[in-house]
Amino acid sequence: MNEKYWFPAKRYGWGWGPPSTWQGWLVVVVWLAAIVAVCRFLPPVSPLLLGAALLVVSIPLALVLRWKGEPTQWRWGKSSTGE
């Protein structure tokens, strides 16, 4: 498979590391802007409402990570190709 992942898998542990393409960085910047917007413009009504709003803006990030990120598994520092 010659697919370019936007988010490579972490070398140690589970999950994704920093973006490796400009598209990945754009996704992260848009997500951070959404976090700032929620914190700036949402009236401080309740911590539960703030948490729900942050969850709503984080779900698209999680979907993009699953879609354009390298498949994850627990890693101990070596790649799956034996490097």
PDB file of N, CA and C in Angstrom:
ATOM      1  N   MET A   1       0.850  -1.172   0.000  1.00  0.00           N
ATOM      2  CA  MET A   1       0.000   0.000   0.000  1.00  0.00           C
ATOM      3  C   MET A   1       0.897   1.237   0.000  1.00  0.00           C
ATOM      4  N   ASN A   2       0.645   2.161  -0.890  1.00  0.00           N
ATOM      5  CA  ASN A   2       1.465   3.349  -1.032  1.00  0.00           C
ATOM      6  C   ASN A   2       0.709   4.582  -0.532  1.00  0.00           C
ATOM      7  N   GLU A   3      -0.023   4.436   0.558  1.00  0.00           N
ATOM      8  CA  GLU A   3      -0.825   5.515   1.099  1.00  0.00           C
ATOM      9  C   GLU A   3       0.018   6.388   2.032  1.00  0.00           C
ATOM     10  N   LYS A   4      -0.119   7.704   1.901  1.00  0.00           N
ATOM     11  CA  LYS A   4       0.587   8.638   2.782  1.00  0.00           C
ATOM     12  C   LYS A   4      -0.335   8.978   3.948  1.00  0.00           C
ATOM     13  N   TYR A   5       0.079   8.603   5.137  1.00  0.00           N
ATOM     14  CA  TYR A   5      -0.719   8.888   6.327  1.00  0.00           C
ATOM     15  C   TYR A   5      -0.483  10.321   6.778  1.00  0.00           C
ATOM     16  N   TRP A   6      -1.554  10.990   7.179  1.00  0.00           N
ATOM     17  CA  TRP A   6      -1.425  12.344   7.704  1.00  0.00           C
ATOM     18  C   TRP A   6      -0.874  12.302   9.126  1.00  0.00           C
ATOM     19  N   PHE A   7      -1.211  11.242   9.859  1.00  0.00           N
ATOM     20  CA  PHE A   7      -0.802  11.097  11.250  1.00  0.00           C
ATOM     21  C   PHE A   7      -0.142   9.730  11.422  1.00  0.00           C
ATOM     22  N   PRO A   8       1.188   9.676  11.556  1.00  0.00           N
ATOM     23  CA  PRO A   8       1.851   8.388  11.743  1.00  0.00           C
ATOM     24  C   PRO A   8       1.603   7.861  13.159  1.00  0.00           C
ATOM     25  N   ALA A   9       1.691   6.567  13.302  1.00  0.00           N
ATOM     26  CA  ALA A   9       1.533   5.958  14.623  1.00  0.00           C
ATOM     27  C   ALA A   9       2.727   6.331  15.498  1.00  0.00           C
ATOM     28  N   LYS A  10       2.477   6.428  16.799  1.00  0.00           N
ATOM     29  CA  LYS A  10       3.561   6.699  17.731  1.00  0.00           C
ATOM     30  C   LYS A  10       4.526   5.523  17.749  1.00  0.00           C
ATOM     31  N   ARG A  11       5.771   5.798  18.039  1.00  0.00           N
ATOM     32  CA  ARG A  11       6.777   4.738  18.080  1.00  0.00           C
ATOM     33  C   ARG A  11       6.654   3.898  19.352  1.00  0.00           C
ATOM     34  N   TYR A  12       6.284   4.538  20.455  1.00  0.00           N
ATOM     35  CA  TYR A  12       6.087   3.846  21.726  1.00  0.00           C
ATOM     36  C   TYR A  12       4.656   4.067  22.185  1.00  0.00           C
ATOM     37  N   GLY A  13       4.008   3.014  22.644  1.00  0.00           N
ATOM     38  CA  GLY A  13       2.646   3.137  23.142  1.00  0.00           C
ATOM     39  C   GLY A  13       1.617   2.978  22.043  1.00  0.00           C
ATOM     40  N   TRP A  14       0.438   3.552  22.294  1.00  0.00           N
ATOM     41  CA  TRP A  14      -0.682   3.436  21.359  1.00  0.00           C
ATOM     42  C   TRP A  14      -1.116   4.833  20.944  1.00  0.00           C
ATOM     43  N   GLY A  15      -1.504   4.997  19.711  1.00  0.00           N
ATOM     44  CA  GLY A  15      -2.037   6.271  19.240  1.00  0.00           C
ATOM     45  C   GLY A  15      -1.213   6.846  18.111  1.00  0.00           C
ATOM     46  N   TRP A  16      -1.410   8.144  17.883  1.00  0.00           N
ATOM     47  CA  TRP A  16      -0.765   8.821  16.772  1.00  0.00           C
ATOM     48  C   TRP A  16       0.173   9.895  17.281  1.00  0.00           C
ATOM     49  N   GLY A  17       1.225  10.130  16.498  1.00  0.00           N
ATOM     50  CA  GLY A  17       2.175  11.182  16.806  1.00  0.00           C
ATOM     51  C   GLY A  17       1.787  12.469  16.102  1.00  0.00           C
ATOM     52  N   PRO A  18       2.714  13.426  16.051  1.00  0.00           N
ATOM     53  CA  PRO A  18       2.432  14.689  15.353  1.00  0.00           C
ATOM     54  C   PRO A  18       2.178  14.451  13.873  1.00  0.00           C
ATOM     55  N   PRO A  19       1.441  15.352  13.240  1.00  0.00           N
ATOM     56  CA  PRO A  19       1.150  15.203  11.807  1.00  0.00           C
ATOM     57  C   PRO A  19       2.428  15.169  10.977  1.00  0.00           C
ATOM     58  N   SER A  20       2.347  14.462   9.852  1.00  0.00           N
ATOM     59  CA  SER A  20       3.500  14.369   8.964  1.00  0.00           C
ATOM     60  C   SER A  20       3.247  15.058   7.624  1.00  0.00           C
ATOM     61  N   THR A  21       2.068  15.634   7.441  1.00  0.00           N
ATOM     62  CA  THR A  21       1.739  16.332   6.195  1.00  0.00           C
ATOM     63  C   THR A  21       1.105  17.683   6.525  1.00  0.00           C
ATOM     64  N   TRP A  22       1.048  18.531   5.517  1.00  0.00           N
ATOM     65  CA  TRP A  22       0.421  19.837   5.740  1.00  0.00           C
ATOM     66  C   TRP A  22      -1.073  19.683   6.021  1.00  0.00           C
ATOM     67  N   GLN A  23      -1.695  18.655   5.440  1.00  0.00           N
ATOM     68  CA  GLN A  23      -3.127  18.438   5.686  1.00  0.00           C
ATOM     69  C   GLN A  23      -3.369  18.095   7.153  1.00  0.00           C
ATOM     70  N   GLY A  24      -2.484  17.277   7.706  1.00  0.00           N
ATOM     71  CA  GLY A  24      -2.606  16.932   9.127  1.00  0.00           C
ATOM     72  C   GLY A  24      -2.439  18.147  10.018  1.00  0.00           C
ATOM     73  N   TRP A  25      -1.455  18.987   9.680  1.00  0.00           N
ATOM     74  CA  TRP A  25      -1.259  20.209  10.468  1.00  0.00           C
ATOM     75  C   TRP A  25      -2.458  21.141  10.347  1.00  0.00           C
ATOM     76  N   LEU A  26      -3.069  21.199   9.164  1.00  0.00           N
ATOM     77  CA  LEU A  26      -4.258  22.026   8.992  1.00  0.00           C
ATOM     78  C   LEU A  26      -5.400  21.532   9.880  1.00  0.00           C
ATOM     79  N   VAL A  27      -5.580  20.223   9.948  1.00  0.00           N
ATOM     80  CA  VAL A  27      -6.621  19.646  10.810  1.00  0.00           C
ATOM     81  C   VAL A  27      -6.370  20.037  12.263  1.00  0.00           C
ATOM     82  N   VAL A  28      -5.135  19.953  12.714  1.00  0.00           N
ATOM     83  CA  VAL A  28      -4.803  20.285  14.101  1.00  0.00           C
ATOM     84  C   VAL A  28      -5.039  21.776  14.369  1.00  0.00           C
ATOM     85  N   VAL A  29      -4.647  22.645  13.443  1.00  0.00           N
ATOM     86  CA  VAL A  29      -4.838  24.085  13.621  1.00  0.00           C
ATOM     87  C   VAL A  29      -6.328  24.431  13.675  1.00  0.00           C
ATOM     88  N   VAL A  30      -7.129  23.826  12.801  1.00  0.00           N
ATOM     89  CA  VAL A  30      -8.576  24.078  12.815  1.00  0.00           C
ATOM     90  C   VAL A  30      -9.183  23.585  14.117  1.00  0.00           C
ATOM     91  N   TRP A  31      -8.743  22.429  14.596  1.00  0.00           N
ATOM     92  CA  TRP A  31      -9.248  21.894  15.864  1.00  0.00           C
ATOM     93  C   TRP A  31      -8.889  22.830  17.021  1.00  0.00           C
ATOM     94  N   LEU A  32      -7.643  23.308  17.056  1.00  0.00           N
ATOM     95  CA  LEU A  32      -7.242  24.238  18.116  1.00  0.00           C
ATOM     96  C   LEU A  32      -8.026  25.546  18.039  1.00  0.00           C
ATOM     97  N   ALA A  33      -8.289  26.034  16.832  1.00  0.00           N
ATOM     98  CA  ALA A  33      -9.096  27.244  16.674  1.00  0.00           C
ATOM     99  C   ALA A  33     -10.520  27.017  17.191  1.00  0.00           C
ATOM    100  N   ALA A  34     -11.063  25.826  16.957  1.00  0.00           N
ATOM    101  CA  ALA A  34     -12.406  25.513  17.465  1.00  0.00           C
ATOM    102  C   ALA A  34     -12.409  25.454  18.992  1.00  0.00           C
ATOM    103  N   ILE A  35     -11.352  24.908  19.579  1.00  0.00           N
ATOM    104  CA  ILE A  35     -11.240  24.868  21.046  1.00  0.00           C
ATOM    105  C   ILE A  35     -11.195  26.293  21.606  1.00  0.00           C
ATOM    106  N   VAL A  36     -10.373  27.143  20.996  1.00  0.00           N
ATOM    107  CA  VAL A  36     -10.270  28.537  21.445  1.00  0.00           C
ATOM    108  C   VAL A  36     -11.611  29.248  21.289  1.00  0.00           C
ATOM    109  N   ALA A  37     -12.303  29.020  20.179  1.00  0.00           N
ATOM    110  CA  ALA A  37     -13.597  29.661  19.955  1.00  0.00           C
ATOM    111  C   ALA A  37     -14.621  29.229  20.995  1.00  0.00           C
ATOM    112  N   VAL A  38     -14.643  27.947  21.302  1.00  0.00           N
ATOM    113  CA  VAL A  38     -15.585  27.464  22.316  1.00  0.00           C
ATOM    114  C   VAL A  38     -15.278  28.105  23.668  1.00  0.00           C
ATOM    115  N   CYS A  39     -14.010  28.134  24.038  1.00  0.00           N
ATOM    116  CA  CYS A  39     -13.631  28.701  25.342  1.00  0.00           C
ATOM    117  C   CYS A  39     -13.861  30.215  25.389  1.00  0.00           C
ATOM    118  N   ARG A  40     -13.734  30.863  24.258  1.00  0.00           N
ATOM    119  CA  ARG A  40     -13.870  32.324  24.214  1.00  0.00           C
ATOM    120  C   ARG A  40     -15.328  32.772  24.169  1.00  0.00           C
ATOM    121  N   PHE A  41     -16.148  32.088  23.379  1.00  0.00           N
ATOM    122  CA  PHE A  41     -17.493  32.591  23.109  1.00  0.00           C
ATOM    123  C   PHE A  41     -18.610  31.858  23.842  1.00  0.00           C
ATOM    124  N   LEU A  42     -18.333  30.733  24.448  1.00  0.00           N
ATOM    125  CA  LEU A  42     -19.375  30.029  25.198  1.00  0.00           C
ATOM    126  C   LEU A  42     -19.514  30.680  26.573  1.00  0.00           C
ATOM    127  N   PRO A  43     -20.716  31.111  26.913  1.00  0.00           N
ATOM    128  CA  PRO A  43     -20.882  31.728  28.230  1.00  0.00           C
ATOM    129  C   PRO A  43     -20.574  30.709  29.336  1.00  0.00           C
ATOM    130  N   PRO A  44     -19.934  31.148  30.403  1.00  0.00           N
ATOM    131  CA  PRO A  44     -19.567  30.220  31.476  1.00  0.00           C
ATOM    132  C   PRO A  44     -20.780  29.797  32.304  1.00  0.00           C
ATOM    133  N   VAL A  45     -21.631  28.980  31.705  1.00  0.00           N
ATOM    134  CA  VAL A  45     -22.852  28.542  32.375  1.00  0.00           C
ATOM    135  C   VAL A  45     -22.558  27.381  33.314  1.00  0.00           C
ATOM    136  N   SER A  46     -21.907  26.344  32.787  1.00  0.00           N
ATOM    137  CA  SER A  46     -21.596  25.195  33.634  1.00  0.00           C
ATOM    138  C   SER A  46     -20.407  24.436  33.045  1.00  0.00           C
ATOM    139  N   PRO A  47     -19.645  23.799  33.910  1.00  0.00           N
ATOM    140  CA  PRO A  47     -18.532  22.984  33.415  1.00  0.00           C
ATOM    141  C   PRO A  47     -19.010  21.827  32.538  1.00  0.00           C
ATOM    142  N   LEU A  48     -20.181  21.307  32.804  1.00  0.00           N
ATOM    143  CA  LEU A  48     -20.727  20.211  32.012  1.00  0.00           C
ATOM    144  C   LEU A  48     -21.002  20.651  30.572  1.00  0.00           C
ATOM    145  N   LEU A  49     -21.530  21.847  30.408  1.00  0.00           N
ATOM    146  CA  LEU A  49     -21.784  22.384  29.064  1.00  0.00           C
ATOM    147  C   LEU A  49     -20.471  22.612  28.318  1.00  0.00           C
ATOM    148  N   LEU A  50     -19.469  23.139  29.014  1.00  0.00           N
ATOM    149  CA  LEU A  50     -18.160  23.351  28.397  1.00  0.00           C
ATOM    150  C   LEU A  50     -17.557  22.015  27.969  1.00  0.00           C
ATOM    151  N   GLY A  51     -17.627  21.017  28.831  1.00  0.00           N
ATOM    152  CA  GLY A  51     -17.108  19.692  28.486  1.00  0.00           C
ATOM    153  C   GLY A  51     -17.827  19.091  27.287  1.00  0.00           C
ATOM    154  N   ALA A  52     -19.136  19.256  27.226  1.00  0.00           N
ATOM    155  CA  ALA A  52     -19.899  18.738  26.092  1.00  0.00           C
ATOM    156  C   ALA A  52     -19.514  19.454  24.802  1.00  0.00           C
ATOM    157  N   ALA A  53     -19.326  20.766  24.861  1.00  0.00           N
ATOM    158  CA  ALA A  53     -18.936  21.523  23.670  1.00  0.00           C
ATOM    159  C   ALA A  53     -17.546  21.114  23.202  1.00  0.00           C
ATOM    160  N   LEU A  54     -16.620  20.908  24.127  1.00  0.00           N
ATOM    161  CA  LEU A  54     -15.276  20.472  23.748  1.00  0.00           C
ATOM    162  C   LEU A  54     -15.300  19.069  23.159  1.00  0.00           C
ATOM    163  N   LEU A  55     -16.167  18.221  23.667  1.00  0.00           N
ATOM    164  CA  LEU A  55     -16.316  16.883  23.098  1.00  0.00           C
ATOM    165  C   LEU A  55     -16.853  16.963  21.667  1.00  0.00           C
ATOM    166  N   VAL A  56     -17.813  17.844  21.434  1.00  0.00           N
ATOM    167  CA  VAL A  56     -18.397  17.995  20.095  1.00  0.00           C
ATOM    168  C   VAL A  56     -17.345  18.460  19.085  1.00  0.00           C
ATOM    169  N   VAL A  57     -16.452  19.371  19.467  1.00  0.00           N
ATOM    170  CA  VAL A  57     -15.441  19.822  18.516  1.00  0.00           C
ATOM    171  C   VAL A  57     -14.277  18.835  18.402  1.00  0.00           C
ATOM    172  N   SER A  58     -14.165  17.901  19.347  1.00  0.00           N
ATOM    173  CA  SER A  58     -13.085  16.908  19.282  1.00  0.00           C
ATOM    174  C   SER A  58     -13.471  15.648  18.511  1.00  0.00           C
ATOM    175  N   ILE A  59     -14.749  15.378  18.377  1.00  0.00           N
ATOM    176  CA  ILE A  59     -15.189  14.183  17.644  1.00  0.00           C
ATOM    177  C   ILE A  59     -14.729  14.215  16.185  1.00  0.00           C
ATOM    178  N   PRO A  60     -14.845  15.345  15.464  1.00  0.00           N
ATOM    179  CA  PRO A  60     -14.323  15.351  14.085  1.00  0.00           C
ATOM    180  C   PRO A  60     -12.818  15.072  14.023  1.00  0.00           C
ATOM    181  N   LEU A  61     -12.048  15.554  14.998  1.00  0.00           N
ATOM    182  CA  LEU A  61     -10.616  15.255  15.031  1.00  0.00           C
ATOM    183  C   LEU A  61     -10.394  13.753  15.172  1.00  0.00           C
ATOM    184  N   ALA A  62     -11.119  13.115  16.056  1.00  0.00           N
ATOM    185  CA  ALA A  62     -10.977  11.672  16.242  1.00  0.00           C
ATOM    186  C   ALA A  62     -11.338  10.910  14.968  1.00  0.00           C
ATOM    187  N   LEU A  63     -12.355  11.360  14.262  1.00  0.00           N
ATOM    188  CA  LEU A  63     -12.753  10.697  13.017  1.00  0.00           C
ATOM    189  C   LEU A  63     -11.677  10.843  11.943  1.00  0.00           C
ATOM    190  N   VAL A  64     -11.080  12.037  11.848  1.00  0.00           N
ATOM    191  CA  VAL A  64     -10.013  12.241  10.873  1.00  0.00           C
ATOM    192  C   VAL A  64      -8.789  11.409  11.244  1.00  0.00           C
ATOM    193  N   LEU A  65      -8.480  11.316  12.525  1.00  0.00           N
ATOM    194  CA  LEU A  65      -7.356  10.482  12.960  1.00  0.00           C
ATOM    195  C   LEU A  65      -7.566   9.026  12.554  1.00  0.00           C
ATOM    196  N   ARG A  66      -8.770   8.512  12.741  1.00  0.00           N
ATOM    197  CA  ARG A  66      -9.057   7.125  12.352  1.00  0.00           C
ATOM    198  C   ARG A  66      -9.011   6.943  10.838  1.00  0.00           C
ATOM    199  N   TRP A  67      -9.459   7.964  10.102  1.00  0.00           N
ATOM    200  CA  TRP A  67      -9.545   7.881   8.646  1.00  0.00           C
ATOM    201  C   TRP A  67      -8.184   8.049   7.992  1.00  0.00           C
ATOM    202  N   LYS A  68      -7.411   9.052   8.394  1.00  0.00           N
ATOM    203  CA  LYS A  68      -6.162   9.387   7.722  1.00  0.00           C
ATOM    204  C   LYS A  68      -4.917   9.053   8.550  1.00  0.00           C
ATOM    205  N   GLY A  69      -5.093   8.423   9.678  1.00  0.00           N
ATOM    206  CA  GLY A  69      -3.951   8.046  10.507  1.00  0.00           C
ATOM    207  C   GLY A  69      -3.507   6.615  10.233  1.00  0.00           C
ATOM    208  N   GLU A  70      -2.243   6.369  10.526  1.00  0.00           N
ATOM    209  CA  GLU A  70      -1.706   5.015  10.381  1.00  0.00           C
ATOM    210  C   GLU A  70      -2.428   4.087  11.361  1.00  0.00           C
ATOM    211  N   PRO A  71      -2.724   2.857  10.962  1.00  0.00           N
ATOM    212  CA  PRO A  71      -3.386   1.930  11.896  1.00  0.00           C
ATOM    213  C   PRO A  71      -2.564   1.793  13.182  1.00  0.00           C
ATOM    214  N   THR A  72      -3.260   1.820  14.296  1.00  0.00           N
ATOM    215  CA  THR A  72      -2.562   1.804  15.582  1.00  0.00           C
ATOM    216  C   THR A  72      -2.566   0.423  16.203  1.00  0.00           C
ATOM    217  N   GLN A  73      -1.574   0.211  16.993  1.00  0.00           N
ATOM    218  CA  GLN A  73      -1.443  -0.962  17.844  1.00  0.00           C
ATOM    219  C   GLN A  73      -0.417  -0.592  18.899  1.00  0.00           C
ATOM    220  N   TRP A  74      -0.309  -1.385  19.946  1.00  0.00           N
ATOM    221  CA  TRP A  74       0.684  -1.095  20.962  1.00  0.00           C
ATOM    222  C   TRP A  74       2.069  -1.313  20.366  1.00  0.00           C
ATOM    223  N   ARG A  75       2.936  -0.328  20.500  1.00  0.00           N
ATOM    224  CA  ARG A  75       4.282  -0.407  19.921  1.00  0.00           C
ATOM    225  C   ARG A  75       5.329  -0.273  21.019  1.00  0.00           C
ATOM    226  N   TRP A  76       6.432  -0.990  20.819  1.00  0.00           N
ATOM    227  CA  TRP A  76       7.540  -0.992  21.784  1.00  0.00           C
ATOM    228  C   TRP A  76       8.791  -0.355  21.225  1.00  0.00           C
ATOM    229  N   GLY A  77       8.672   0.442  20.190  1.00  0.00           N
ATOM    230  CA  GLY A  77       9.811   1.164  19.647  1.00  0.00           C
ATOM    231  C   GLY A  77      10.288   0.666  18.316  1.00  0.00           C
ATOM    232  N   LYS A  78       9.952  -0.551  17.953  1.00  0.00           N
ATOM    233  CA  LYS A  78      10.329  -1.074  16.649  1.00  0.00           C
ATOM    234  C   LYS A  78       9.137  -1.018  15.729  1.00  0.00           C
ATOM    235  N   SER A  79       9.402  -0.762  14.443  1.00  0.00           N
ATOM    236  CA  SER A  79       8.289  -0.721  13.499  1.00  0.00           C
ATOM    237  C   SER A  79       7.847  -2.151  13.172  1.00  0.00           C
ATOM    238  N   SER A  80       6.694  -2.251  12.544  1.00  0.00           N
ATOM    239  CA  SER A  80       6.181  -3.567  12.188  1.00  0.00           C
ATOM    240  C   SER A  80       6.961  -4.228  11.059  1.00  0.00           C
ATOM    241  N   THR A  81       7.840  -3.456  10.389  1.00  0.00           N
ATOM    242  CA  THR A  81       8.634  -4.014   9.297  1.00  0.00           C
ATOM    243  C   THR A  81       9.952  -4.563   9.795  1.00  0.00           C
ATOM    244  N   GLY A  82      10.196  -4.484  11.107  1.00  0.00           N
ATOM    245  CA  GLY A  82      11.409  -5.058  11.668  1.00  0.00           C
ATOM    246  C   GLY A  82      12.604  -4.130  11.722  1.00  0.00           C
ATOM    247  N   GLU A  83      12.372  -2.825  11.566  1.00  0.00           N
ATOM    248  CA  GLU A  83      13.473  -1.862  11.602  1.00  0.00           C
ATOM    249  C   GLU A  83      13.992  -1.686  12.998  1.00  0.00           C
TER     250      GLU A  83
END
